[in-house]
Amino acid sequence: MLSALSIYFKIAFALKTPFIWLMDSQYETISKAKLTELCCNMPDLSYIPETRDCDNFAFIYKGIADRTTNAVGIVVGKVAGGFHAWNVALGEDGIYQVEPQNGLIVHEGYRPLVVII
């Protein structure tokens, strides 16, 4: 288990944002293999703009992860064309960003504004 303070600095450094809301005082880590498994457990949902879009997929992925770990959070950031929501995960080897709509798991790539974990 890792303290919220250490998690704050890990996320702030990796994602380059100070706007992180930590909901727990201790956090677990998760393997990339487990993150991939969670992506495979996503329900087969059709994308519907403004109704079933990025924020909905991010909340569903977090809900699936919450059954076994508190290592996954939700991120909102600015991308070309507007705002986007995805997930952040406290990986065993660093901070991961997870795109729940297509299963992409990376260390870098998105520019978050706000993280809630």
PDB file of N, CA and C in Angstrom:
ATOM      1  N   MET A   1       0.847  -1.187   0.000  1.00  0.00           N
ATOM      2  CA  MET A   1       0.000   0.000   0.000  1.00  0.00           C
ATOM      3  C   MET A   1       0.888   1.244   0.000  1.00  0.00           C
ATOM      4  N   LEU A   2       0.435   2.239  -0.713  1.00  0.00           N
ATOM      5  CA  LEU A   2       1.166   3.496  -0.806  1.00  0.00           C
ATOM      6  C   LEU A   2       0.330   4.618  -0.208  1.00  0.00           C
ATOM      7  N   SER A   3       0.980   5.569   0.431  1.00  0.00           N
ATOM      8  CA  SER A   3       0.263   6.682   1.045  1.00  0.00           C
ATOM      9  C   SER A   3      -0.288   7.630  -0.014  1.00  0.00           C
ATOM     10  N   ALA A   4      -1.361   8.316   0.341  1.00  0.00           N
ATOM     11  CA  ALA A   4      -1.975   9.278  -0.570  1.00  0.00           C
ATOM     12  C   ALA A   4      -0.978  10.360  -0.966  1.00  0.00           C
ATOM     13  N   LEU A   5      -0.163  10.807  -0.042  1.00  0.00           N
ATOM     14  CA  LEU A   5       0.807  11.859  -0.345  1.00  0.00           C
ATOM     15  C   LEU A   5       1.800  11.397  -1.410  1.00  0.00           C
ATOM     16  N   SER A   6       2.311  10.180  -1.279  1.00  0.00           N
ATOM     17  CA  SER A   6       3.259   9.690  -2.289  1.00  0.00           C
ATOM     18  C   SER A   6       2.566   9.503  -3.640  1.00  0.00           C
ATOM     19  N   ILE A   7       1.315   9.077  -3.609  1.00  0.00           N
ATOM     20  CA  ILE A   7       0.547   8.911  -4.851  1.00  0.00           C
ATOM     21  C   ILE A   7       0.312  10.266  -5.507  1.00  0.00           C
ATOM     22  N   TYR A   8       0.001  11.272  -4.694  1.00  0.00           N
ATOM     23  CA  TYR A   8      -0.223  12.613  -5.248  1.00  0.00           C
ATOM     24  C   TYR A   8       0.981  13.050  -6.080  1.00  0.00           C
ATOM     25  N   PHE A   9       2.168  12.930  -5.516  1.00  0.00           N
ATOM     26  CA  PHE A   9       3.366  13.393  -6.220  1.00  0.00           C
ATOM     27  C   PHE A   9       3.678  12.536  -7.448  1.00  0.00           C
ATOM     28  N   LYS A  10       3.438  11.239  -7.365  1.00  0.00           N
ATOM     29  CA  LYS A  10       3.652  10.364  -8.528  1.00  0.00           C
ATOM     30  C   LYS A  10       2.735  10.766  -9.686  1.00  0.00           C
ATOM     31  N   ILE A  11       1.450  10.974  -9.382  1.00  0.00           N
ATOM     32  CA  ILE A  11       0.502  11.349 -10.425  1.00  0.00           C
ATOM     33  C   ILE A  11       0.787  12.753 -10.945  1.00  0.00           C
ATOM     34  N   ALA A  12       1.021  13.704 -10.041  1.00  0.00           N
ATOM     35  CA  ALA A  12       1.279  15.085 -10.450  1.00  0.00           C
ATOM     36  C   ALA A  12       2.494  15.165 -11.372  1.00  0.00           C
ATOM     37  N   PHE A  13       3.546  14.434 -11.054  1.00  0.00           N
ATOM     38  CA  PHE A  13       4.745  14.441 -11.881  1.00  0.00           C
ATOM     39  C   PHE A  13       4.495  13.763 -13.225  1.00  0.00           C
ATOM     40  N   ALA A  14       3.867  12.595 -13.208  1.00  0.00           N
ATOM     41  CA  ALA A  14       3.657  11.826 -14.440  1.00  0.00           C
ATOM     42  C   ALA A  14       2.668  12.504 -15.388  1.00  0.00           C
ATOM     43  N   LEU A  15       1.605  13.081 -14.833  1.00  0.00           N
ATOM     44  CA  LEU A  15       0.549  13.645 -15.672  1.00  0.00           C
ATOM     45  C   LEU A  15       0.626  15.161 -15.807  1.00  0.00           C
ATOM     46  N   LYS A  16       1.558  15.763 -15.092  1.00  0.00           N
ATOM     47  CA  LYS A  16       1.809  17.201 -15.196  1.00  0.00           C
ATOM     48  C   LYS A  16       0.576  18.056 -14.888  1.00  0.00           C
ATOM     49  N   THR A  17      -0.101  17.681 -13.794  1.00  0.00           N
ATOM     50  CA  THR A  17      -1.208  18.492 -13.295  1.00  0.00           C
ATOM     51  C   THR A  17      -1.211  18.452 -11.774  1.00  0.00           C
ATOM     52  N   PRO A  18      -1.458  19.585 -11.126  1.00  0.00           N
ATOM     53  CA  PRO A  18      -1.569  19.589  -9.666  1.00  0.00           C
ATOM     54  C   PRO A  18      -2.989  19.298  -9.192  1.00  0.00           C
ATOM     55  N   PHE A  19      -3.941  19.210 -10.126  1.00  0.00           N
ATOM     56  CA  PHE A  19      -5.354  19.075  -9.762  1.00  0.00           C
ATOM     57  C   PHE A  19      -5.734  17.610  -9.626  1.00  0.00           C
ATOM     58  N   ILE A  20      -5.418  17.066  -8.443  1.00  0.00           N
ATOM     59  CA  ILE A  20      -5.633  15.652  -8.157  1.00  0.00           C
ATOM     60  C   ILE A  20      -6.416  15.542  -6.850  1.00  0.00           C
ATOM     61  N   TRP A  21      -7.571  14.897  -6.923  1.00  0.00           N
ATOM     62  CA  TRP A  21      -8.380  14.662  -5.724  1.00  0.00           C
ATOM     63  C   TRP A  21      -8.203  13.212  -5.318  1.00  0.00           C
ATOM     64  N   LEU A  22      -7.615  13.014  -4.149  1.00  0.00           N
ATOM     65  CA  LEU A  22      -7.366  11.677  -3.612  1.00  0.00           C
ATOM     66  C   LEU A  22      -8.486  11.331  -2.633  1.00  0.00           C
ATOM     67  N   MET A  23      -9.191  10.245  -2.896  1.00  0.00           N
ATOM     68  CA  MET A  23     -10.360   9.881  -2.095  1.00  0.00           C
ATOM     69  C   MET A  23     -10.031   8.889  -0.978  1.00  0.00           C
ATOM     70  N   ASP A  24      -8.860   8.280  -1.010  1.00  0.00           N
ATOM     71  CA  ASP A  24      -8.442   7.315   0.008  1.00  0.00           C
ATOM     72  C   ASP A  24      -7.124   7.759   0.630  1.00  0.00           C
ATOM     73  N   SER A  25      -6.794   7.182   1.770  1.00  0.00           N
ATOM     74  CA  SER A  25      -5.536   7.536   2.422  1.00  0.00           C
ATOM     75  C   SER A  25      -4.404   6.571   2.049  1.00  0.00           C
ATOM     76  N   GLN A  26      -4.741   5.408   1.541  1.00  0.00           N
ATOM     77  CA  GLN A  26      -3.771   4.396   1.118  1.00  0.00           C
ATOM     78  C   GLN A  26      -4.214   3.844  -0.236  1.00  0.00           C
ATOM     79  N   TYR A  27      -3.242   3.504  -1.089  1.00  0.00           N
ATOM     80  CA  TYR A  27      -3.547   3.001  -2.425  1.00  0.00           C
ATOM     81  C   TYR A  27      -2.745   1.752  -2.749  1.00  0.00           C
ATOM     82  N   GLU A  28      -3.373   0.877  -3.519  1.00  0.00           N
ATOM     83  CA  GLU A  28      -2.722  -0.313  -4.041  1.00  0.00           C
ATOM     84  C   GLU A  28      -2.114   0.037  -5.394  1.00  0.00           C
ATOM     85  N   THR A  29      -1.322  -0.886  -5.941  1.00  0.00           N
ATOM     86  CA  THR A  29      -0.862  -0.764  -7.320  1.00  0.00           C
ATOM     87  C   THR A  29      -1.494  -1.906  -8.118  1.00  0.00           C
ATOM     88  N   ILE A  30      -1.385  -1.806  -9.437  1.00  0.00           N
ATOM     89  CA  ILE A  30      -1.995  -2.792 -10.315  1.00  0.00           C
ATOM     90  C   ILE A  30      -1.045  -3.084 -11.466  1.00  0.00           C
ATOM     91  N   SER A  31      -1.034  -4.321 -11.941  1.00  0.00           N
ATOM     92  CA  SER A  31      -0.160  -4.696 -13.055  1.00  0.00           C
ATOM     93  C   SER A  31      -0.796  -4.311 -14.393  1.00  0.00           C
ATOM     94  N   LYS A  32       0.039  -4.162 -15.398  1.00  0.00           N
ATOM     95  CA  LYS A  32      -0.470  -3.859 -16.734  1.00  0.00           C
ATOM     96  C   LYS A  32      -1.325  -5.023 -17.237  1.00  0.00           C
ATOM     97  N   ALA A  33      -0.954  -6.247 -16.891  1.00  0.00           N
ATOM     98  CA  ALA A  33      -1.744  -7.416 -17.294  1.00  0.00           C
ATOM     99  C   ALA A  33      -3.153  -7.346 -16.707  1.00  0.00           C
ATOM    100  N   LYS A  34      -3.258  -6.921 -15.455  1.00  0.00           N
ATOM    101  CA  LYS A  34      -4.579  -6.794 -14.822  1.00  0.00           C
ATOM    102  C   LYS A  34      -5.375  -5.665 -15.480  1.00  0.00           C
ATOM    103  N   LEU A  35      -4.717  -4.570 -15.845  1.00  0.00           N
ATOM    104  CA  LEU A  35      -5.412  -3.481 -16.542  1.00  0.00           C
ATOM    105  C   LEU A  35      -5.968  -3.964 -17.877  1.00  0.00           C
ATOM    106  N   THR A  36      -5.192  -4.766 -18.586  1.00  0.00           N
ATOM    107  CA  THR A  36      -5.653  -5.342 -19.855  1.00  0.00           C
ATOM    108  C   THR A  36      -6.843  -6.254 -19.621  1.00  0.00           C
ATOM    109  N   GLU A  37      -6.775  -7.054 -18.573  1.00  0.00           N
ATOM    110  CA  GLU A  37      -7.890  -7.941 -18.223  1.00  0.00           C
ATOM    111  C   GLU A  37      -9.158  -7.132 -17.931  1.00  0.00           C
ATOM    112  N   LEU A  38      -9.005  -6.023 -17.221  1.00  0.00           N
ATOM    113  CA  LEU A  38     -10.162  -5.166 -16.939  1.00  0.00           C
ATOM    114  C   LEU A  38     -10.759  -4.619 -18.228  1.00  0.00           C
ATOM    115  N   CYS A  39      -9.914  -4.273 -19.209  1.00  0.00           N
ATOM    116  CA  CYS A  39     -10.416  -3.806 -20.509  1.00  0.00           C
ATOM    117  C   CYS A  39     -11.246  -4.890 -21.180  1.00  0.00           C
ATOM    118  N   CYS A  40     -10.804  -6.136 -21.035  1.00  0.00           N
ATOM    119  CA  CYS A  40     -11.535  -7.261 -21.633  1.00  0.00           C
ATOM    120  C   CYS A  40     -12.881  -7.477 -20.955  1.00  0.00           C
ATOM    121  N   ASN A  41     -13.033  -6.994 -19.722  1.00  0.00           N
ATOM    122  CA  ASN A  41     -14.287  -7.142 -18.982  1.00  0.00           C
ATOM    123  C   ASN A  41     -15.273  -5.999 -19.231  1.00  0.00           C
ATOM    124  N   MET A  42     -14.867  -5.048 -20.075  1.00  0.00           N
ATOM    125  CA  MET A  42     -15.785  -3.950 -20.399  1.00  0.00           C
ATOM    126  C   MET A  42     -16.972  -4.513 -21.177  1.00  0.00           C
ATOM    127  N   PRO A  43     -18.180  -4.028 -20.863  1.00  0.00           N
ATOM    128  CA  PRO A  43     -19.334  -4.490 -21.639  1.00  0.00           C
ATOM    129  C   PRO A  43     -19.248  -4.007 -23.084  1.00  0.00           C
ATOM    130  N   ASP A  44     -19.870  -4.738 -23.959  1.00  0.00           N
ATOM    131  CA  ASP A  44     -19.884  -4.383 -25.378  1.00  0.00           C
ATOM    132  C   ASP A  44     -20.962  -3.327 -25.587  1.00  0.00           C
ATOM    133  N   LEU A  45     -20.564  -2.068 -25.517  1.00  0.00           N
ATOM    134  CA  LEU A  45     -21.499  -0.952 -25.637  1.00  0.00           C
ATOM    135  C   LEU A  45     -21.198  -0.141 -26.887  1.00  0.00           C
ATOM    136  N   SER A  46     -22.212   0.297 -27.532  1.00  0.00           N
ATOM    137  CA  SER A  46     -22.046   1.171 -28.688  1.00  0.00           C
ATOM    138  C   SER A  46     -21.797   2.596 -28.218  1.00  0.00           C
ATOM    139  N   TYR A  47     -20.930   3.284 -28.916  1.00  0.00           N
ATOM    140  CA  TYR A  47     -20.663   4.691 -28.650  1.00  0.00           C
ATOM    141  C   TYR A  47     -21.836   5.510 -29.177  1.00  0.00           C
ATOM    142  N   ILE A  48     -22.381   6.369 -28.316  1.00  0.00           N
ATOM    143  CA  ILE A  48     -23.451   7.281 -28.707  1.00  0.00           C
ATOM    144  C   ILE A  48     -23.013   8.678 -28.268  1.00  0.00           C
ATOM    145  N   PRO A  49     -22.723   9.580 -29.218  1.00  0.00           N
ATOM    146  CA  PRO A  49     -22.250  10.923 -28.847  1.00  0.00           C
ATOM    147  C   PRO A  49     -23.190  11.603 -27.849  1.00  0.00           C
ATOM    148  N   GLU A  50     -22.593  12.222 -26.840  1.00  0.00           N
ATOM    149  CA  GLU A  50     -23.295  12.994 -25.816  1.00  0.00           C
ATOM    150  C   GLU A  50     -24.192  12.151 -24.907  1.00  0.00           C
ATOM    151  N   THR A  51     -24.292  10.863 -25.146  1.00  0.00           N
ATOM    152  CA  THR A  51     -25.129  10.003 -24.316  1.00  0.00           C
ATOM    153  C   THR A  51     -24.311   8.883 -23.683  1.00  0.00           C
ATOM    154  N   ARG A  52     -23.646   8.114 -24.515  1.00  0.00           N
ATOM    155  CA  ARG A  52     -22.766   7.048 -24.044  1.00  0.00           C
ATOM    156  C   ARG A  52     -21.426   7.280 -24.714  1.00  0.00           C
ATOM    157  N   ASP A  53     -20.638   8.173 -24.081  1.00  0.00           N
ATOM    158  CA  ASP A  53     -19.366   8.570 -24.678  1.00  0.00           C
ATOM    159  C   ASP A  53     -18.230   8.387 -23.682  1.00  0.00           C
ATOM    160  N   CYS A  54     -17.161   9.140 -23.839  1.00  0.00           N
ATOM    161  CA  CYS A  54     -15.922   8.890 -23.099  1.00  0.00           C
ATOM    162  C   CYS A  54     -16.085   8.874 -21.581  1.00  0.00           C
ATOM    163  N   ASP A  55     -16.867   9.799 -21.024  1.00  0.00           N
ATOM    164  CA  ASP A  55     -17.001   9.818 -19.567  1.00  0.00           C
ATOM    165  C   ASP A  55     -17.728   8.578 -19.065  1.00  0.00           C
ATOM    166  N   ASN A  56     -18.713   8.116 -19.808  1.00  0.00           N
ATOM    167  CA  ASN A  56     -19.438   6.915 -19.412  1.00  0.00           C
ATOM    168  C   ASN A  56     -18.520   5.692 -19.423  1.00  0.00           C
ATOM    169  N   PHE A  57     -17.698   5.560 -20.470  1.00  0.00           N
ATOM    170  CA  PHE A  57     -16.763   4.442 -20.544  1.00  0.00           C
ATOM    171  C   PHE A  57     -15.743   4.510 -19.401  1.00  0.00           C
ATOM    172  N   ALA A  58     -15.279   5.714 -19.074  1.00  0.00           N
ATOM    173  CA  ALA A  58     -14.313   5.871 -17.980  1.00  0.00           C
ATOM    174  C   ALA A  58     -14.926   5.480 -16.633  1.00  0.00           C
ATOM    175  N   PHE A  59     -16.170   5.863 -16.394  1.00  0.00           N
ATOM    176  CA  PHE A  59     -16.839   5.492 -15.146  1.00  0.00           C
ATOM    177  C   PHE A  59     -17.077   3.980 -15.077  1.00  0.00           C
ATOM    178  N   ILE A  60     -17.454   3.369 -16.197  1.00  0.00           N
ATOM    179  CA  ILE A  60     -17.678   1.920 -16.210  1.00  0.00           C
ATOM    180  C   ILE A  60     -16.372   1.182 -15.923  1.00  0.00           C
ATOM    181  N   TYR A  61     -15.274   1.598 -16.568  1.00  0.00           N
ATOM    182  CA  TYR A  61     -13.976   0.950 -16.332  1.00  0.00           C
ATOM    183  C   TYR A  61     -13.576   1.073 -14.864  1.00  0.00           C
ATOM    184  N   LYS A  62     -13.740   2.259 -14.293  1.00  0.00           N
ATOM    185  CA  LYS A  62     -13.417   2.439 -12.872  1.00  0.00           C
ATOM    186  C   LYS A  62     -14.291   1.540 -12.005  1.00  0.00           C
ATOM    187  N   GLY A  63     -15.564   1.442 -12.334  1.00  0.00           N
ATOM    188  CA  GLY A  63     -16.467   0.580 -11.572  1.00  0.00           C
ATOM    189  C   GLY A  63     -16.049  -0.877 -11.600  1.00  0.00           C
ATOM    190  N   ILE A  64     -15.606  -1.343 -12.766  1.00  0.00           N
ATOM    191  CA  ILE A  64     -15.123  -2.725 -12.880  1.00  0.00           C
ATOM    192  C   ILE A  64     -13.862  -2.895 -12.041  1.00  0.00           C
ATOM    193  N   ALA A  65     -12.947  -1.938 -12.112  1.00  0.00           N
ATOM    194  CA  ALA A  65     -11.701  -2.016 -11.335  1.00  0.00           C
ATOM    195  C   ALA A  65     -11.972  -1.970  -9.841  1.00  0.00           C
ATOM    196  N   ASP A  66     -12.944  -1.177  -9.422  1.00  0.00           N
ATOM    197  CA  ASP A  66     -13.238  -1.004  -7.995  1.00  0.00           C
ATOM    198  C   ASP A  66     -13.683  -2.292  -7.317  1.00  0.00           C
ATOM    199  N   ARG A  67     -14.069  -3.295  -8.085  1.00  0.00           N
ATOM    200  CA  ARG A  67     -14.447  -4.569  -7.469  1.00  0.00           C
ATOM    201  C   ARG A  67     -13.253  -5.235  -6.798  1.00  0.00           C
ATOM    202  N   THR A  68     -12.016  -4.907  -7.255  1.00  0.00           N
ATOM    203  CA  THR A  68     -10.832  -5.580  -6.720  1.00  0.00           C
ATOM    204  C   THR A  68      -9.710  -4.652  -6.262  1.00  0.00           C
ATOM    205  N   THR A  69      -9.734  -3.371  -6.634  1.00  0.00           N
ATOM    206  CA  THR A  69      -8.613  -2.485  -6.305  1.00  0.00           C
ATOM    207  C   THR A  69      -9.055  -1.025  -6.283  1.00  0.00           C
ATOM    208  N   ASN A  70      -8.308  -0.201  -5.558  1.00  0.00           N
ATOM    209  CA  ASN A  70      -8.549   1.246  -5.584  1.00  0.00           C
ATOM    210  C   ASN A  70      -7.472   1.958  -6.399  1.00  0.00           C
ATOM    211  N   ALA A  71      -6.806   1.218  -7.284  1.00  0.00           N
ATOM    212  CA  ALA A  71      -5.670   1.747  -8.048  1.00  0.00           C
ATOM    213  C   ALA A  71      -6.067   2.450  -9.348  1.00  0.00           C
ATOM    214  N   VAL A  72      -7.367   2.603  -9.615  1.00  0.00           N
ATOM    215  CA  VAL A  72      -7.825   3.199 -10.865  1.00  0.00           C
ATOM    216  C   VAL A  72      -8.680   4.422 -10.573  1.00  0.00           C
ATOM    217  N   GLY A  73      -8.416   5.504 -11.308  1.00  0.00           N
ATOM    218  CA  GLY A  73      -9.176   6.735 -11.160  1.00  0.00           C
ATOM    219  C   GLY A  73      -9.692   7.232 -12.493  1.00  0.00           C
ATOM    220  N   ILE A  74     -10.295   8.394 -12.476  1.00  0.00           N
ATOM    221  CA  ILE A  74     -10.858   9.016 -13.672  1.00  0.00           C
ATOM    222  C   ILE A  74     -10.128  10.326 -13.938  1.00  0.00           C
ATOM    223  N   VAL A  75      -9.904  10.599 -15.213  1.00  0.00           N
ATOM    224  CA  VAL A  75      -9.191  11.794 -15.643  1.00  0.00           C
ATOM    225  C   VAL A  75     -10.052  12.546 -16.654  1.00  0.00           C
ATOM    226  N   VAL A  76     -10.029  13.870 -16.561  1.00  0.00           N
ATOM    227  CA  VAL A  76     -10.642  14.709 -17.585  1.00  0.00           C
ATOM    228  C   VAL A  76      -9.549  15.637 -18.101  1.00  0.00           C
ATOM    229  N   GLY A  77      -9.469  15.755 -19.404  1.00  0.00           N
ATOM    230  CA  GLY A  77      -8.447  16.600 -19.998  1.00  0.00           C
ATOM    231  C   GLY A  77      -8.907  17.201 -21.301  1.00  0.00           C
ATOM    232  N   LYS A  78      -8.065  18.047 -21.836  1.00  0.00           N
ATOM    233  CA  LYS A  78      -8.348  18.742 -23.095  1.00  0.00           C
ATOM    234  C   LYS A  78      -7.613  18.027 -24.209  1.00  0.00           C
ATOM    235  N   VAL A  79      -8.327  17.728 -25.261  1.00  0.00           N
ATOM    236  CA  VAL A  79      -7.736  17.132 -26.452  1.00  0.00           C
ATOM    237  C   VAL A  79      -8.196  17.946 -27.658  1.00  0.00           C
ATOM    238  N   ALA A  80      -7.592  17.688 -28.797  1.00  0.00           N
ATOM    239  CA  ALA A  80      -8.029  18.384 -30.013  1.00  0.00           C
ATOM    240  C   ALA A  80      -9.521  18.121 -30.207  1.00  0.00           C
ATOM    241  N   GLY A  81     -10.286  19.168 -30.312  1.00  0.00           N
ATOM    242  CA  GLY A  81     -11.718  19.011 -30.517  1.00  0.00           C
ATOM    243  C   GLY A  81     -12.555  19.111 -29.261  1.00  0.00           C
ATOM    244  N   GLY A  82     -11.935  19.274 -28.096  1.00  0.00           N
ATOM    245  CA  GLY A  82     -12.744  19.435 -26.883  1.00  0.00           C
ATOM    246  C   GLY A  82     -12.170  18.725 -25.681  1.00  0.00           C
ATOM    247  N   PHE A  83     -13.051  18.334 -24.786  1.00  0.00           N
ATOM    248  CA  PHE A  83     -12.656  17.641 -23.567  1.00  0.00           C
ATOM    249  C   PHE A  83     -12.802  16.139 -23.761  1.00  0.00           C
ATOM    250  N   HIS A  84     -12.055  15.386 -22.950  1.00  0.00           N
ATOM    251  CA  HIS A  84     -12.085  13.928 -23.044  1.00  0.00           C
ATOM    252  C   HIS A  84     -11.923  13.354 -21.647  1.00  0.00           C
ATOM    253  N   ALA A  85     -12.515  12.191 -21.407  1.00  0.00           N
ATOM    254  CA  ALA A  85     -12.356  11.483 -20.136  1.00  0.00           C
ATOM    255  C   ALA A  85     -11.741  10.119 -20.406  1.00  0.00           C
ATOM    256  N   TRP A  86     -10.859   9.679 -19.512  1.00  0.00           N
ATOM    257  CA  TRP A  86     -10.225   8.377 -19.589  1.00  0.00           C
ATOM    258  C   TRP A  86      -9.845   7.974 -18.182  1.00  0.00           C
ATOM    259  N   ASN A  87      -9.045   6.944 -18.031  1.00  0.00           N
ATOM    260  CA  ASN A  87      -8.691   6.458 -16.697  1.00  0.00           C
ATOM    261  C   ASN A  87      -7.196   6.570 -16.451  1.00  0.00           C
ATOM    262  N   VAL A  88      -6.869   6.661 -15.172  1.00  0.00           N
ATOM    263  CA  VAL A  88      -5.484   6.637 -14.714  1.00  0.00           C
ATOM    264  C   VAL A  88      -5.360   5.424 -13.796  1.00  0.00           C
ATOM    265  N   ALA A  89      -4.173   4.805 -13.797  1.00  0.00           N
ATOM    266  CA  ALA A  89      -3.962   3.638 -12.942  1.00  0.00           C
ATOM    267  C   ALA A  89      -2.588   3.715 -12.297  1.00  0.00           C
ATOM    268  N   LEU A  90      -2.524   3.270 -11.054  1.00  0.00           N
ATOM    269  CA  LEU A  90      -1.279   3.251 -10.296  1.00  0.00           C
ATOM    270  C   LEU A  90      -0.573   1.934 -10.579  1.00  0.00           C
ATOM    271  N   GLY A  91       0.204   1.916 -11.650  1.00  0.00           N
ATOM    272  CA  GLY A  91       0.882   0.704 -12.069  1.00  0.00           C
ATOM    273  C   GLY A  91       2.040   0.338 -11.173  1.00  0.00           C
ATOM    274  N   GLU A  92       2.413  -0.920 -11.228  1.00  0.00           N
ATOM    275  CA  GLU A  92       3.558  -1.395 -10.448  1.00  0.00           C
ATOM    276  C   GLU A  92       4.851  -0.742 -10.927  1.00  0.00           C
ATOM    277  N   ASP A  93       4.859  -0.283 -12.181  1.00  0.00           N
ATOM    278  CA  ASP A  93       6.063   0.332 -12.737  1.00  0.00           C
ATOM    279  C   ASP A  93       5.818   1.765 -13.206  1.00  0.00           C
ATOM    280  N   GLY A  94       4.857   2.443 -12.593  1.00  0.00           N
ATOM    281  CA  GLY A  94       4.598   3.834 -12.934  1.00  0.00           C
ATOM    282  C   GLY A  94       3.116   4.098 -13.129  1.00  0.00           C
ATOM    283  N   ILE A  95       2.813   5.296 -13.554  1.00  0.00           N
ATOM    284  CA  ILE A  95       1.430   5.717 -13.756  1.00  0.00           C
ATOM    285  C   ILE A  95       1.011   5.387 -15.184  1.00  0.00           C
ATOM    286  N   TYR A  96      -0.113   4.699 -15.320  1.00  0.00           N
ATOM    287  CA  TYR A  96      -0.666   4.376 -16.639  1.00  0.00           C
ATOM    288  C   TYR A  96      -1.870   5.247 -16.933  1.00  0.00           C
ATOM    289  N   GLN A  97      -2.061   5.524 -18.206  1.00  0.00           N
ATOM    290  CA  GLN A  97      -3.286   6.142 -18.688  1.00  0.00           C
ATOM    291  C   GLN A  97      -3.986   5.087 -19.537  1.00  0.00           C
ATOM    292  N   VAL A  98      -5.277   4.894 -19.272  1.00  0.00           N
ATOM    293  CA  VAL A  98      -6.044   3.828 -19.917  1.00  0.00           C
ATOM    294  C   VAL A  98      -7.182   4.456 -20.717  1.00  0.00           C
ATOM    295  N   GLU A  99      -7.263   4.090 -21.977  1.00  0.00           N
ATOM    296  CA  GLU A  99      -8.370   4.517 -22.831  1.00  0.00           C
ATOM    297  C   GLU A  99      -9.385   3.366 -22.860  1.00  0.00           C
ATOM    298  N   PRO A 100     -10.443   3.463 -22.044  1.00  0.00           N
ATOM    299  CA  PRO A 100     -11.357   2.319 -21.910  1.00  0.00           C
ATOM    300  C   PRO A 100     -12.181   2.023 -23.158  1.00  0.00           C
ATOM    301  N   GLN A 101     -12.240   2.953 -24.089  1.00  0.00           N
ATOM    302  CA  GLN A 101     -13.023   2.716 -25.301  1.00  0.00           C
ATOM    303  C   GLN A 101     -12.315   1.794 -26.293  1.00  0.00           C
ATOM    304  N   ASN A 102     -10.978   1.731 -26.211  1.00  0.00           N
ATOM    305  CA  ASN A 102     -10.263   0.869 -27.156  1.00  0.00           C
ATOM    306  C   ASN A 102      -9.187   0.001 -26.496  1.00  0.00           C
ATOM    307  N   GLY A 103      -9.019   0.104 -25.175  1.00  0.00           N
ATOM    308  CA  GLY A 103      -8.072  -0.740 -24.455  1.00  0.00           C
ATOM    309  C   GLY A 103      -6.629  -0.281 -24.498  1.00  0.00           C
ATOM    310  N   LEU A 104      -6.354   0.896 -25.051  1.00  0.00           N
ATOM    311  CA  LEU A 104      -4.987   1.418 -25.098  1.00  0.00           C
ATOM    312  C   LEU A 104      -4.504   1.737 -23.684  1.00  0.00           C
ATOM    313  N   ILE A 105      -3.306   1.246 -23.344  1.00  0.00           N
ATOM    314  CA  ILE A 105      -2.711   1.481 -22.024  1.00  0.00           C
ATOM    315  C   ILE A 105      -1.311   2.030 -22.250  1.00  0.00           C
ATOM    316  N   VAL A 106      -1.077   3.273 -21.817  1.00  0.00           N
ATOM    317  CA  VAL A 106       0.207   3.941 -22.062  1.00  0.00           C
ATOM    318  C   VAL A 106       0.674   4.680 -20.807  1.00  0.00           C
ATOM    319  N   HIS A 107       1.960   5.008 -20.780  1.00  0.00           N
ATOM    320  CA  HIS A 107       2.489   5.846 -19.703  1.00  0.00           C
ATOM    321  C   HIS A 107       2.312   7.324 -20.031  1.00  0.00           C
ATOM    322  N   GLU A 108       2.339   7.681 -21.295  1.00  0.00           N
ATOM    323  CA  GLU A 108       2.248   9.080 -21.714  1.00  0.00           C
ATOM    324  C   GLU A 108       1.299   9.205 -22.890  1.00  0.00           C
ATOM    325  N   GLY A 109       0.912  10.428 -23.195  1.00  0.00           N
ATOM    326  CA  GLY A 109       0.136  10.642 -24.395  1.00  0.00           C
ATOM    327  C   GLY A 109      -0.982  11.659 -24.241  1.00  0.00           C
ATOM    328  N   TYR A 110      -1.665  11.637 -23.133  1.00  0.00           N
ATOM    329  CA  TYR A 110      -2.758  12.569 -22.910  1.00  0.00           C
ATOM    330  C   TYR A 110      -2.301  13.704 -21.998  1.00  0.00           C
ATOM    331  N   ARG A 111      -3.042  14.805 -22.007  1.00  0.00           N
ATOM    332  CA  ARG A 111      -2.743  15.944 -21.134  1.00  0.00           C
ATOM    333  C   ARG A 111      -3.932  16.191 -20.206  1.00  0.00           C
ATOM    334  N   PRO A 112      -3.909  15.636 -19.022  1.00  0.00           N
ATOM    335  CA  PRO A 112      -5.018  15.766 -18.079  1.00  0.00           C
ATOM    336  C   PRO A 112      -5.136  17.171 -17.487  1.00  0.00           C
ATOM    337  N   LEU A 113      -6.338  17.514 -17.107  1.00  0.00           N
ATOM    338  CA  LEU A 113      -6.601  18.719 -16.329  1.00  0.00           C
ATOM    339  C   LEU A 113      -6.905  18.348 -14.880  1.00  0.00           C
ATOM    340  N   VAL A 114      -7.759  17.336 -14.686  1.00  0.00           N
ATOM    341  CA  VAL A 114      -8.220  16.937 -13.351  1.00  0.00           C
ATOM    342  C   VAL A 114      -8.177  15.423 -13.219  1.00  0.00           C
ATOM    343  N   VAL A 115      -7.720  14.951 -12.056  1.00  0.00           N
ATOM    344  CA  VAL A 115      -7.684  13.512 -11.751  1.00  0.00           C
ATOM    345  C   VAL A 115      -8.442  13.290 -10.453  1.00  0.00           C
ATOM    346  N   ILE A 116      -9.310  12.281 -10.458  1.00  0.00           N
ATOM    347  CA  ILE A 116     -10.001  11.861  -9.236  1.00  0.00           C
ATOM    348  C   ILE A 116      -9.711  10.373  -9.049  1.00  0.00           C
ATOM    349  N   ILE A 117      -9.109  10.035  -7.912  1.00  0.00           N
ATOM    350  CA  ILE A 117      -8.780   8.641  -7.638  1.00  0.00           C
ATOM    351  C   ILE A 117      -8.996   8.325  -6.170  1.00  0.00           C
TER     352      ILE A 117
END
